[in-house]
Amino acid sequence: MGDHEKDELDDGLHVGERIKRLREGACLSLDQLAERCGLDKKELQHVEEDLISPALGTLIKICDGLGVRMGHFFEQGPRKFYSLFRAGDEKVAARFASKNGADFGYEYHALGSEKRERFMEPFLVTISPPSSKDEKPIEFEELGSHSGEEFLFVLEGQILVELQDEEFVLGPGDSFYYDANMPHRVTHHGQLLSRVLAVVYLHRTD
């Protein structure tokens, strides 16, 4: 591993840049990948440039379009039969929306990145609200769906879960487990930062 790549991992994974490299390596244009993912071209471009931070559902759609596992963006070091994540360990953090100084968005800490041949992708997700009531947040993604299941456990703050035609506001200690093939969206709620344990199970297609 080169010094530049090592520094990049130490400072937090730049997932937008990795998405761009994978897309170019697959000889896909922005239009082609956006069509595969079911995303707007401009939204995908902003993700690659770290100008917006994608919600979990958007990130899953991009992985499906690229034909890679979601954990691909977070893996580092040798694969093992277990993954140990201790309190305060941020070596597998992935941050978005950093280039324009935005303080609104999603930050992911992958909790299972070192385990090989895994079926679940556990994350500690931090969702930041706008810095003031007058500041408009980025435009939220549409309700989306994908194969598999998702489990959410709120550790701090509040989130809004939209599932088909229903809405649920969850606070600390609340949890939610649902089939991800149902149209859904998860966003922050209120003006306080929220932290959520999210576990995604994706049906294997390989």
N, C-alpha and C. Protein backbone atom coordinates (compact mmCIF):
# COMPACT_ATOMS: atom_id res chain seq x y z
N MET A 1 0.83 -1.19 0.00
CA MET A 1 0.00 0.00 0.00
C MET A 1 0.87 1.25 0.00
N GLY A 2 0.61 2.19 -0.91
CA GLY A 2 1.42 3.39 -0.99
C GLY A 2 1.13 4.33 0.15
N ASP A 3 2.04 5.31 0.34
CA ASP A 3 1.88 6.26 1.45
C ASP A 3 0.62 7.09 1.28
N HIS A 4 0.32 7.48 0.02
CA HIS A 4 -0.87 8.31 -0.22
C HIS A 4 -2.14 7.55 0.15
N GLU A 5 -2.21 6.28 -0.27
CA GLU A 5 -3.40 5.49 0.03
C GLU A 5 -3.52 5.25 1.53
N LYS A 6 -2.38 5.05 2.19
CA LYS A 6 -2.40 4.83 3.63
C LYS A 6 -2.92 6.07 4.34
N ASP A 7 -2.44 7.26 3.92
CA ASP A 7 -2.90 8.50 4.52
C ASP A 7 -4.40 8.68 4.31
N GLU A 8 -4.88 8.29 3.12
CA GLU A 8 -6.29 8.42 2.81
C GLU A 8 -7.13 7.57 3.74
N LEU A 9 -6.66 6.34 4.02
CA LEU A 9 -7.39 5.48 4.91
C LEU A 9 -7.36 6.00 6.33
N ASP A 10 -6.19 6.53 6.75
CA ASP A 10 -6.07 7.03 8.10
C ASP A 10 -6.97 8.23 8.34
N ASP A 11 -7.18 9.06 7.32
CA ASP A 11 -7.98 10.27 7.46
C ASP A 11 -9.47 10.01 7.27
N GLY A 12 -9.85 8.79 6.97
CA GLY A 12 -11.24 8.48 6.68
C GLY A 12 -11.37 8.17 5.20
N LEU A 13 -12.16 7.16 4.88
CA LEU A 13 -12.26 6.72 3.50
C LEU A 13 -13.01 7.73 2.65
N HIS A 14 -12.43 8.11 1.52
CA HIS A 14 -13.07 9.02 0.58
C HIS A 14 -13.88 8.17 -0.40
N VAL A 15 -15.09 7.85 0.01
CA VAL A 15 -15.89 6.90 -0.77
C VAL A 15 -16.28 7.48 -2.11
N GLY A 16 -16.51 8.79 -2.18
CA GLY A 16 -16.86 9.40 -3.45
C GLY A 16 -15.80 9.16 -4.52
N GLU A 17 -14.55 9.31 -4.13
CA GLU A 17 -13.45 9.09 -5.07
C GLU A 17 -13.37 7.62 -5.46
N ARG A 18 -13.63 6.72 -4.52
CA ARG A 18 -13.60 5.28 -4.84
C ARG A 18 -14.71 4.92 -5.82
N ILE A 19 -15.87 5.53 -5.64
CA ILE A 19 -16.98 5.29 -6.56
C ILE A 19 -16.60 5.73 -7.97
N LYS A 20 -15.98 6.89 -8.07
CA LYS A 20 -15.57 7.41 -9.37
C LYS A 20 -14.54 6.49 -10.03
N ARG A 21 -13.57 6.01 -9.26
CA ARG A 21 -12.55 5.12 -9.81
C ARG A 21 -13.15 3.80 -10.29
N LEU A 22 -14.09 3.26 -9.51
CA LEU A 22 -14.74 2.01 -9.93
C LEU A 22 -15.56 2.22 -11.19
N ARG A 23 -16.26 3.34 -11.26
CA ARG A 23 -17.06 3.63 -12.45
C ARG A 23 -16.18 3.75 -13.69
N GLU A 24 -15.10 4.50 -13.56
CA GLU A 24 -14.20 4.68 -14.70
C GLU A 24 -13.51 3.37 -15.05
N GLY A 25 -13.18 2.56 -14.04
CA GLY A 25 -12.56 1.27 -14.29
C GLY A 25 -13.48 0.32 -15.03
N ALA A 26 -14.79 0.49 -14.84
CA ALA A 26 -15.78 -0.32 -15.53
C ALA A 26 -16.19 0.30 -16.86
N CYS A 27 -15.53 1.41 -17.24
CA CYS A 27 -15.81 2.11 -18.50
C CYS A 27 -17.26 2.56 -18.58
N LEU A 28 -17.76 3.07 -17.46
CA LEU A 28 -19.12 3.57 -17.41
C LEU A 28 -19.10 5.09 -17.32
N SER A 29 -19.97 5.74 -18.06
CA SER A 29 -20.13 7.19 -17.94
C SER A 29 -21.03 7.49 -16.76
N LEU A 30 -21.08 8.74 -16.35
CA LEU A 30 -21.99 9.14 -15.29
C LEU A 30 -23.44 8.80 -15.67
N ASP A 31 -23.79 9.06 -16.93
CA ASP A 31 -25.15 8.77 -17.39
C ASP A 31 -25.46 7.28 -17.27
N GLN A 32 -24.51 6.45 -17.68
CA GLN A 32 -24.75 5.01 -17.66
C GLN A 32 -24.91 4.48 -16.23
N LEU A 33 -24.02 4.91 -15.32
CA LEU A 33 -24.13 4.43 -13.94
C LEU A 33 -25.39 4.99 -13.28
N ALA A 34 -25.72 6.24 -13.55
CA ALA A 34 -26.93 6.83 -12.98
C ALA A 34 -28.17 6.06 -13.42
N GLU A 35 -28.19 5.65 -14.68
CA GLU A 35 -29.33 4.88 -15.19
C GLU A 35 -29.39 3.52 -14.50
N ARG A 36 -28.23 2.88 -14.33
CA ARG A 36 -28.19 1.58 -13.64
C ARG A 36 -28.69 1.68 -12.20
N CYS A 37 -28.32 2.79 -11.54
CA CYS A 37 -28.65 2.96 -10.12
C CYS A 37 -30.05 3.52 -9.91
N GLY A 38 -30.62 4.10 -10.96
CA GLY A 38 -31.90 4.77 -10.80
C GLY A 38 -31.75 6.09 -10.09
N LEU A 39 -30.60 6.76 -10.30
CA LEU A 39 -30.32 8.04 -9.67
C LEU A 39 -30.21 9.14 -10.71
N ASP A 40 -30.34 10.37 -10.27
CA ASP A 40 -30.13 11.52 -11.14
C ASP A 40 -28.63 11.68 -11.38
N LYS A 41 -28.25 11.99 -12.61
CA LYS A 41 -26.85 12.13 -12.97
C LYS A 41 -26.16 13.17 -12.10
N LYS A 42 -26.82 14.30 -11.87
CA LYS A 42 -26.22 15.37 -11.08
C LYS A 42 -26.00 14.93 -9.64
N GLU A 43 -26.96 14.18 -9.10
CA GLU A 43 -26.81 13.67 -7.73
C GLU A 43 -25.60 12.74 -7.63
N LEU A 44 -25.47 11.84 -8.60
CA LEU A 44 -24.34 10.91 -8.61
C LEU A 44 -23.02 11.66 -8.72
N GLN A 45 -22.97 12.67 -9.58
CA GLN A 45 -21.75 13.46 -9.73
C GLN A 45 -21.37 14.15 -8.42
N HIS A 46 -22.35 14.67 -7.72
CA HIS A 46 -22.09 15.35 -6.45
C HIS A 46 -21.61 14.36 -5.39
N VAL A 47 -22.10 13.13 -5.45
CA VAL A 47 -21.60 12.09 -4.52
C VAL A 47 -20.13 11.81 -4.80
N GLU A 48 -19.79 11.66 -6.08
CA GLU A 48 -18.40 11.38 -6.45
C GLU A 48 -17.47 12.52 -6.04
N GLU A 49 -17.97 13.73 -6.08
CA GLU A 49 -17.14 14.89 -5.77
C GLU A 49 -17.19 15.26 -4.28
N ASP A 50 -17.86 14.42 -3.47
CA ASP A 50 -17.98 14.66 -2.03
C ASP A 50 -18.67 15.98 -1.72
N LEU A 51 -19.60 16.38 -2.58
CA LEU A 51 -20.35 17.62 -2.35
C LEU A 51 -21.65 17.37 -1.61
N ILE A 52 -22.15 16.14 -1.68
CA ILE A 52 -23.29 15.73 -0.86
C ILE A 52 -22.97 14.39 -0.24
N SER A 53 -23.60 14.11 0.87
CA SER A 53 -23.38 12.82 1.53
C SER A 53 -24.60 11.94 1.29
N PRO A 54 -24.42 10.80 0.66
CA PRO A 54 -25.57 9.96 0.31
C PRO A 54 -26.14 9.24 1.52
N ALA A 55 -27.46 9.10 1.53
CA ALA A 55 -28.12 8.28 2.53
C ALA A 55 -27.78 6.81 2.24
N LEU A 56 -28.06 5.97 3.22
CA LEU A 56 -27.71 4.56 3.11
C LEU A 56 -28.34 3.92 1.88
N GLY A 57 -29.61 4.27 1.60
CA GLY A 57 -30.28 3.69 0.44
C GLY A 57 -29.61 4.06 -0.87
N THR A 58 -29.16 5.30 -0.98
CA THR A 58 -28.46 5.74 -2.19
C THR A 58 -27.15 5.00 -2.36
N LEU A 59 -26.43 4.81 -1.27
CA LEU A 59 -25.16 4.10 -1.32
C LEU A 59 -25.36 2.66 -1.78
N ILE A 60 -26.43 2.04 -1.31
CA ILE A 60 -26.74 0.66 -1.72
C ILE A 60 -27.06 0.60 -3.21
N LYS A 61 -27.81 1.58 -3.72
CA LYS A 61 -28.13 1.62 -5.15
C LYS A 61 -26.86 1.75 -5.99
N ILE A 62 -25.93 2.57 -5.54
CA ILE A 62 -24.68 2.75 -6.28
C ILE A 62 -23.89 1.45 -6.30
N CYS A 63 -23.85 0.74 -5.18
CA CYS A 63 -23.16 -0.55 -5.13
C CYS A 63 -23.78 -1.54 -6.09
N ASP A 64 -25.12 -1.57 -6.12
CA ASP A 64 -25.81 -2.47 -7.05
C ASP A 64 -25.45 -2.13 -8.49
N GLY A 65 -25.39 -0.83 -8.81
CA GLY A 65 -25.06 -0.41 -10.16
C GLY A 65 -23.65 -0.76 -10.56
N LEU A 66 -22.73 -0.76 -9.59
CA LEU A 66 -21.33 -1.09 -9.86
C LEU A 66 -21.06 -2.58 -9.76
N GLY A 67 -22.02 -3.33 -9.20
CA GLY A 67 -21.84 -4.77 -9.05
C GLY A 67 -20.84 -5.15 -7.97
N VAL A 68 -20.81 -4.33 -6.89
CA VAL A 68 -19.89 -4.63 -5.78
C VAL A 68 -20.68 -4.69 -4.48
N ARG A 69 -20.12 -5.39 -3.50
CA ARG A 69 -20.72 -5.42 -2.17
C ARG A 69 -20.56 -4.07 -1.50
N MET A 70 -21.49 -3.72 -0.66
CA MET A 70 -21.43 -2.43 0.01
C MET A 70 -20.17 -2.29 0.85
N GLY A 71 -19.75 -3.37 1.48
CA GLY A 71 -18.57 -3.32 2.32
C GLY A 71 -17.28 -3.07 1.55
N HIS A 72 -17.33 -3.16 0.23
CA HIS A 72 -16.13 -2.94 -0.59
C HIS A 72 -15.51 -1.58 -0.33
N PHE A 73 -16.35 -0.58 -0.09
CA PHE A 73 -15.85 0.79 0.10
C PHE A 73 -15.19 1.00 1.45
N PHE A 74 -15.41 0.08 2.37
CA PHE A 74 -14.94 0.28 3.74
C PHE A 74 -13.82 -0.69 4.14
N GLU A 75 -13.52 -1.65 3.30
CA GLU A 75 -12.55 -2.66 3.67
C GLU A 75 -11.12 -2.13 3.63
N GLN A 76 -10.33 -2.55 4.60
CA GLN A 76 -8.92 -2.22 4.63
C GLN A 76 -8.20 -3.27 5.48
N GLY A 77 -6.95 -3.52 5.13
CA GLY A 77 -6.20 -4.52 5.87
C GLY A 77 -6.60 -5.93 5.48
N PRO A 78 -5.97 -6.94 6.10
CA PRO A 78 -6.25 -8.33 5.75
C PRO A 78 -7.63 -8.76 6.23
N ARG A 79 -8.28 -9.65 5.49
CA ARG A 79 -9.58 -10.19 5.87
C ARG A 79 -9.38 -11.26 6.94
N LYS A 80 -10.27 -11.30 7.92
CA LYS A 80 -10.20 -12.27 9.01
C LYS A 80 -11.56 -12.93 9.18
N PHE A 81 -11.65 -13.88 10.13
CA PHE A 81 -12.92 -14.54 10.37
C PHE A 81 -13.74 -13.77 11.41
N TYR A 82 -13.24 -12.64 11.86
CA TYR A 82 -13.98 -11.79 12.79
C TYR A 82 -13.61 -10.33 12.53
N SER A 83 -14.43 -9.43 13.07
CA SER A 83 -14.14 -8.00 12.99
C SER A 83 -14.41 -7.40 14.37
N LEU A 84 -13.37 -6.86 14.99
CA LEU A 84 -13.48 -6.27 16.33
C LEU A 84 -13.40 -4.76 16.21
N PHE A 85 -14.40 -4.08 16.75
CA PHE A 85 -14.44 -2.63 16.70
C PHE A 85 -14.56 -2.13 18.14
N ARG A 86 -13.52 -1.49 18.64
CA ARG A 86 -13.53 -1.00 20.01
C ARG A 86 -13.98 0.46 20.06
N ALA A 87 -14.50 0.86 21.22
CA ALA A 87 -14.96 2.24 21.40
C ALA A 87 -13.83 3.21 21.09
N GLY A 88 -14.14 4.24 20.33
CA GLY A 88 -13.14 5.23 19.97
C GLY A 88 -12.33 4.88 18.75
N ASP A 89 -12.53 3.70 18.18
CA ASP A 89 -11.79 3.28 16.99
C ASP A 89 -12.49 3.83 15.76
N GLU A 90 -11.83 4.76 15.05
CA GLU A 90 -12.44 5.38 13.87
C GLU A 90 -11.67 5.08 12.60
N LYS A 91 -10.92 3.99 12.60
CA LYS A 91 -10.07 3.71 11.44
C LYS A 91 -10.87 3.38 10.18
N VAL A 92 -12.14 3.01 10.35
CA VAL A 92 -12.93 2.67 9.18
C VAL A 92 -14.05 3.68 8.96
N ALA A 93 -13.79 4.92 9.36
CA ALA A 93 -14.79 5.96 9.14
C ALA A 93 -14.83 6.35 7.68
N ALA A 94 -16.01 6.68 7.21
CA ALA A 94 -16.17 7.18 5.84
C ALA A 94 -16.96 8.46 5.92
N ARG A 95 -16.39 9.54 5.43
CA ARG A 95 -17.05 10.83 5.53
C ARG A 95 -17.35 11.39 4.14
N PHE A 96 -18.47 12.08 4.05
CA PHE A 96 -18.87 12.71 2.81
C PHE A 96 -19.07 14.20 3.05
N ALA A 97 -19.35 14.93 1.98
CA ALA A 97 -19.68 16.35 2.04
C ALA A 97 -18.61 17.13 2.78
N SER A 98 -17.36 16.88 2.45
CA SER A 98 -16.27 17.56 3.15
C SER A 98 -15.67 18.69 2.33
N LYS A 99 -15.70 18.58 1.01
CA LYS A 99 -14.99 19.55 0.17
C LYS A 99 -15.62 20.93 0.19
N ASN A 100 -16.94 20.99 0.40
CA ASN A 100 -17.58 22.30 0.41
C ASN A 100 -17.84 22.80 1.82
N GLY A 101 -17.28 22.10 2.80
CA GLY A 101 -17.40 22.52 4.18
C GLY A 101 -18.77 22.30 4.78
N ALA A 102 -19.61 21.54 4.12
CA ALA A 102 -20.96 21.31 4.63
C ALA A 102 -20.90 20.50 5.91
N ASP A 103 -21.77 20.86 6.86
CA ASP A 103 -21.81 20.10 8.10
C ASP A 103 -23.09 19.28 8.19
N PHE A 104 -23.75 19.12 7.07
CA PHE A 104 -24.98 18.34 7.02
C PHE A 104 -24.72 17.08 6.22
N GLY A 105 -25.12 15.94 6.74
CA GLY A 105 -24.96 14.73 5.96
C GLY A 105 -24.80 13.49 6.81
N TYR A 106 -24.32 12.45 6.17
CA TYR A 106 -24.20 11.14 6.79
C TYR A 106 -22.72 10.78 6.94
N GLU A 107 -22.39 10.22 8.09
CA GLU A 107 -21.04 9.71 8.33
C GLU A 107 -21.17 8.26 8.74
N TYR A 108 -20.37 7.39 8.12
CA TYR A 108 -20.49 5.96 8.35
C TYR A 108 -19.24 5.40 9.01
N HIS A 109 -19.44 4.58 10.04
CA HIS A 109 -18.35 3.79 10.62
C HIS A 109 -18.70 2.33 10.38
N ALA A 110 -17.96 1.67 9.53
CA ALA A 110 -18.21 0.26 9.24
C ALA A 110 -17.73 -0.59 10.40
N LEU A 111 -18.61 -1.43 10.93
CA LEU A 111 -18.28 -2.24 12.11
C LEU A 111 -17.88 -3.67 11.74
N GLY A 112 -18.01 -4.04 10.48
CA GLY A 112 -17.69 -5.42 10.11
C GLY A 112 -16.73 -5.52 8.96
N SER A 113 -15.96 -4.46 8.70
CA SER A 113 -15.17 -4.38 7.48
C SER A 113 -14.05 -5.41 7.39
N GLU A 114 -13.60 -5.93 8.54
CA GLU A 114 -12.47 -6.87 8.50
C GLU A 114 -12.91 -8.33 8.36
N LYS A 115 -14.19 -8.61 8.57
CA LYS A 115 -14.65 -10.00 8.48
C LYS A 115 -14.87 -10.40 7.04
N ARG A 116 -14.29 -11.50 6.64
CA ARG A 116 -14.46 -11.99 5.28
C ARG A 116 -15.76 -12.79 5.16
N GLU A 117 -16.24 -12.90 3.92
CA GLU A 117 -17.42 -13.71 3.60
C GLU A 117 -18.58 -13.40 4.53
N ARG A 118 -18.93 -12.12 4.66
CA ARG A 118 -20.03 -11.75 5.55
C ARG A 118 -21.33 -11.56 4.78
N PHE A 119 -22.44 -11.75 5.47
CA PHE A 119 -23.76 -11.59 4.87
C PHE A 119 -24.43 -10.31 5.36
N MET A 120 -23.91 -9.73 6.45
CA MET A 120 -24.49 -8.51 6.99
C MET A 120 -23.46 -7.39 6.91
N GLU A 121 -23.96 -6.14 6.82
CA GLU A 121 -23.09 -4.97 6.83
C GLU A 121 -23.55 -4.07 7.98
N PRO A 122 -22.87 -4.12 9.13
CA PRO A 122 -23.26 -3.26 10.26
C PRO A 122 -22.52 -1.93 10.21
N PHE A 123 -23.24 -0.84 10.52
CA PHE A 123 -22.67 0.49 10.49
C PHE A 123 -23.12 1.28 11.71
N LEU A 124 -22.26 2.17 12.18
CA LEU A 124 -22.66 3.22 13.08
C LEU A 124 -22.81 4.46 12.21
N VAL A 125 -24.04 4.96 12.09
CA VAL A 125 -24.33 6.07 11.20
C VAL A 125 -24.62 7.32 12.02
N THR A 126 -23.88 8.39 11.72
CA THR A 126 -24.12 9.69 12.35
C THR A 126 -24.78 10.60 11.33
N ILE A 127 -25.94 11.16 11.68
CA ILE A 127 -26.68 12.01 10.77
C ILE A 127 -26.73 13.41 11.36
N SER A 128 -26.17 14.37 10.64
CA SER A 128 -26.09 15.75 11.13
C SER A 128 -27.22 16.59 10.54
N PRO A 129 -27.90 17.38 11.35
CA PRO A 129 -28.94 18.29 10.85
C PRO A 129 -28.30 19.55 10.30
N PRO A 130 -29.08 20.44 9.68
CA PRO A 130 -28.53 21.74 9.27
C PRO A 130 -28.00 22.48 10.48
N SER A 131 -27.02 23.36 10.29
CA SER A 131 -26.40 24.05 11.40
C SER A 131 -27.30 25.13 12.00
N SER A 132 -28.33 25.53 11.27
CA SER A 132 -29.28 26.50 11.81
C SER A 132 -30.65 26.22 11.23
N LYS A 133 -31.66 26.77 11.89
CA LYS A 133 -33.03 26.54 11.44
C LYS A 133 -33.30 27.19 10.08
N ASP A 134 -32.51 28.22 9.76
CA ASP A 134 -32.72 28.94 8.50
C ASP A 134 -32.00 28.29 7.33
N GLU A 135 -31.10 27.36 7.62
CA GLU A 135 -30.31 26.72 6.57
C GLU A 135 -31.08 25.55 5.98
N LYS A 136 -31.17 25.51 4.68
CA LYS A 136 -31.89 24.43 4.03
C LYS A 136 -30.98 23.22 3.86
N PRO A 137 -31.46 22.02 4.23
CA PRO A 137 -30.65 20.82 4.04
C PRO A 137 -30.61 20.43 2.57
N ILE A 138 -29.75 19.48 2.25
CA ILE A 138 -29.71 18.97 0.89
C ILE A 138 -31.04 18.29 0.59
N GLU A 139 -31.38 18.22 -0.67
CA GLU A 139 -32.64 17.60 -1.05
C GLU A 139 -32.57 16.10 -0.78
N PHE A 140 -33.58 15.57 -0.11
CA PHE A 140 -33.57 14.16 0.24
C PHE A 140 -33.86 13.29 -0.98
N GLU A 141 -33.34 12.10 -0.96
CA GLU A 141 -33.60 11.13 -2.01
C GLU A 141 -35.06 10.69 -1.96
N GLU A 142 -35.55 10.16 -3.07
CA GLU A 142 -36.89 9.60 -3.09
C GLU A 142 -36.90 8.29 -2.30
N LEU A 143 -38.09 7.86 -1.91
CA LEU A 143 -38.19 6.55 -1.27
C LEU A 143 -37.62 5.51 -2.23
N GLY A 144 -36.83 4.60 -1.69
CA GLY A 144 -36.20 3.58 -2.53
C GLY A 144 -36.37 2.20 -1.93
N SER A 145 -35.97 1.21 -2.67
CA SER A 145 -36.06 -0.17 -2.20
C SER A 145 -34.91 -0.98 -2.79
N HIS A 146 -34.60 -2.08 -2.14
CA HIS A 146 -33.56 -3.00 -2.62
C HIS A 146 -33.79 -4.34 -1.96
N SER A 147 -33.11 -5.35 -2.41
CA SER A 147 -33.28 -6.66 -1.82
C SER A 147 -32.70 -6.69 -0.41
N GLY A 148 -33.17 -7.63 0.39
CA GLY A 148 -32.60 -7.80 1.72
C GLY A 148 -33.44 -7.21 2.83
N GLU A 149 -32.80 -6.97 3.97
CA GLU A 149 -33.47 -6.47 5.16
C GLU A 149 -32.60 -5.42 5.83
N GLU A 150 -33.23 -4.57 6.66
CA GLU A 150 -32.49 -3.56 7.40
C GLU A 150 -32.97 -3.53 8.85
N PHE A 151 -32.03 -3.29 9.76
CA PHE A 151 -32.36 -3.15 11.18
C PHE A 151 -31.73 -1.85 11.68
N LEU A 152 -32.51 -1.04 12.38
CA LEU A 152 -32.05 0.24 12.91
C LEU A 152 -32.26 0.28 14.42
N PHE A 153 -31.27 0.79 15.14
CA PHE A 153 -31.39 0.99 16.59
C PHE A 153 -30.85 2.39 16.88
N VAL A 154 -31.69 3.25 17.43
CA VAL A 154 -31.31 4.64 17.67
C VAL A 154 -30.56 4.76 18.98
N LEU A 155 -29.36 5.31 18.92
CA LEU A 155 -28.53 5.51 20.10
C LEU A 155 -28.65 6.93 20.65
N GLU A 156 -28.87 7.89 19.76
CA GLU A 156 -28.86 9.29 20.16
C GLU A 156 -29.69 10.10 19.17
N GLY A 157 -30.37 11.13 19.64
CA GLY A 157 -31.15 11.98 18.75
C GLY A 157 -32.42 11.29 18.25
N GLN A 158 -32.93 11.77 17.12
CA GLN A 158 -34.15 11.22 16.54
C GLN A 158 -33.99 11.05 15.04
N ILE A 159 -34.65 10.05 14.47
CA ILE A 159 -34.68 9.85 13.03
C ILE A 159 -36.12 9.66 12.58
N LEU A 160 -36.34 9.92 11.30
CA LEU A 160 -37.64 9.69 10.69
C LEU A 160 -37.51 8.54 9.71
N VAL A 161 -38.32 7.50 9.91
CA VAL A 161 -38.34 6.36 8.99
C VAL A 161 -39.66 6.40 8.24
N GLU A 162 -39.58 6.47 6.92
CA GLU A 162 -40.76 6.42 6.07
C GLU A 162 -40.78 5.05 5.39
N LEU A 163 -41.86 4.33 5.59
CA LEU A 163 -42.00 2.99 5.03
C LEU A 163 -43.34 2.91 4.33
N GLN A 164 -43.27 2.83 2.99
CA GLN A 164 -44.48 2.91 2.16
C GLN A 164 -45.27 4.17 2.53
N ASP A 165 -46.48 4.01 3.06
CA ASP A 165 -47.33 5.17 3.35
C ASP A 165 -47.31 5.56 4.83
N GLU A 166 -46.40 4.98 5.60
CA GLU A 166 -46.36 5.26 7.03
C GLU A 166 -45.08 5.99 7.41
N GLU A 167 -45.16 6.77 8.51
CA GLU A 167 -44.00 7.48 9.02
C GLU A 167 -43.82 7.15 10.50
N PHE A 168 -42.56 6.98 10.92
CA PHE A 168 -42.25 6.66 12.30
C PHE A 168 -41.09 7.53 12.78
N VAL A 169 -41.29 8.23 13.89
CA VAL A 169 -40.22 8.99 14.51
C VAL A 169 -39.63 8.13 15.62
N LEU A 170 -38.33 7.85 15.54
CA LEU A 170 -37.66 6.99 16.51
C LEU A 170 -36.68 7.79 17.34
N GLY A 171 -36.63 7.49 18.64
CA GLY A 171 -35.71 8.14 19.54
C GLY A 171 -34.80 7.12 20.20
N PRO A 172 -33.93 7.55 21.11
CA PRO A 172 -32.98 6.66 21.77
C PRO A 172 -33.66 5.42 22.37
N GLY A 173 -33.13 4.26 22.04
CA GLY A 173 -33.67 3.01 22.54
C GLY A 173 -34.70 2.38 21.62
N ASP A 174 -35.22 3.14 20.63
CA ASP A 174 -36.18 2.59 19.68
C ASP A 174 -35.44 1.82 18.58
N SER A 175 -36.10 0.80 18.06
CA SER A 175 -35.51 0.03 16.96
C SER A 175 -36.56 -0.24 15.90
N PHE A 176 -36.09 -0.59 14.71
CA PHE A 176 -36.98 -0.82 13.58
C PHE A 176 -36.34 -1.86 12.67
N TYR A 177 -37.11 -2.88 12.30
CA TYR A 177 -36.61 -3.99 11.47
C TYR A 177 -37.63 -4.19 10.35
N TYR A 178 -37.18 -4.13 9.10
CA TYR A 178 -38.12 -4.18 7.99
C TYR A 178 -37.50 -4.80 6.75
N ASP A 179 -38.38 -5.24 5.85
CA ASP A 179 -37.95 -5.74 4.55
C ASP A 179 -37.56 -4.57 3.68
N ALA A 180 -36.34 -4.58 3.15
CA ALA A 180 -35.84 -3.44 2.39
C ALA A 180 -36.43 -3.36 0.98
N ASN A 181 -37.18 -4.39 0.56
CA ASN A 181 -37.82 -4.31 -0.76
C ASN A 181 -39.08 -3.45 -0.72
N MET A 182 -39.45 -2.98 0.48
CA MET A 182 -40.56 -2.04 0.60
C MET A 182 -40.00 -0.62 0.44
N PRO A 183 -40.68 0.27 -0.27
CA PRO A 183 -40.18 1.65 -0.43
C PRO A 183 -39.95 2.29 0.94
N HIS A 184 -38.76 2.83 1.14
CA HIS A 184 -38.43 3.38 2.45
C HIS A 184 -37.40 4.50 2.32
N ARG A 185 -37.28 5.27 3.39
CA ARG A 185 -36.30 6.35 3.47
C ARG A 185 -36.04 6.63 4.95
N VAL A 186 -34.77 6.87 5.29
CA VAL A 186 -34.39 7.18 6.66
C VAL A 186 -33.67 8.53 6.66
N THR A 187 -34.18 9.48 7.46
CA THR A 187 -33.57 10.80 7.54
C THR A 187 -33.52 11.24 9.00
N HIS A 188 -32.79 12.33 9.26
CA HIS A 188 -32.75 12.87 10.62
C HIS A 188 -34.07 13.55 10.94
N HIS A 189 -34.33 13.76 12.21
CA HIS A 189 -35.55 14.44 12.63
C HIS A 189 -35.18 15.44 13.72
N GLY A 190 -35.61 16.68 13.56
CA GLY A 190 -35.30 17.70 14.54
C GLY A 190 -33.97 18.36 14.26
N GLN A 191 -33.46 19.08 15.24
CA GLN A 191 -32.24 19.87 15.06
C GLN A 191 -31.03 19.28 15.76
N LEU A 192 -31.16 18.10 16.34
CA LEU A 192 -30.04 17.49 17.06
C LEU A 192 -29.39 16.40 16.23
N LEU A 193 -28.09 16.25 16.38
CA LEU A 193 -27.35 15.17 15.73
C LEU A 193 -27.90 13.83 16.22
N SER A 194 -27.98 12.87 15.33
CA SER A 194 -28.46 11.53 15.71
C SER A 194 -27.43 10.48 15.35
N ARG A 195 -27.40 9.42 16.15
CA ARG A 195 -26.50 8.30 15.91
C ARG A 195 -27.32 7.02 15.93
N VAL A 196 -27.10 6.20 14.90
CA VAL A 196 -27.93 5.01 14.70
C VAL A 196 -27.04 3.80 14.39
N LEU A 197 -27.35 2.68 15.03
CA LEU A 197 -26.75 1.42 14.63
C LEU A 197 -27.60 0.85 13.51
N ALA A 198 -27.04 0.68 12.33
CA ALA A 198 -27.77 0.16 11.17
C ALA A 198 -27.11 -1.12 10.70
N VAL A 199 -27.92 -2.16 10.53
CA VAL A 199 -27.44 -3.45 10.02
C VAL A 199 -28.19 -3.75 8.74
N VAL A 200 -27.45 -3.91 7.66
CA VAL A 200 -28.04 -4.18 6.35
C VAL A 200 -27.72 -5.61 5.95
N TYR A 201 -28.73 -6.37 5.58
CA TYR A 201 -28.54 -7.71 5.04
C TYR A 201 -28.93 -7.69 3.58
N LEU A 202 -27.98 -8.02 2.71
CA LEU A 202 -28.24 -8.05 1.27
C LEU A 202 -28.19 -9.48 0.79
N HIS A 203 -29.20 -9.90 0.05
CA HIS A 203 -29.20 -11.25 -0.51
C HIS A 203 -28.05 -11.41 -1.48
N ARG A 204 -27.29 -12.45 -1.33
CA ARG A 204 -26.16 -12.70 -2.21
C ARG A 204 -26.64 -13.06 -3.60
N THR A 205 -25.99 -12.44 -4.60
CA THR A 205 -26.30 -12.77 -6.00
C THR A 205 -25.13 -13.43 -6.69
N ASP A 206 -23.97 -13.54 -5.98
CA ASP A 206 -22.78 -14.14 -6.61
C ASP A 206 -22.61 -15.57 -6.16
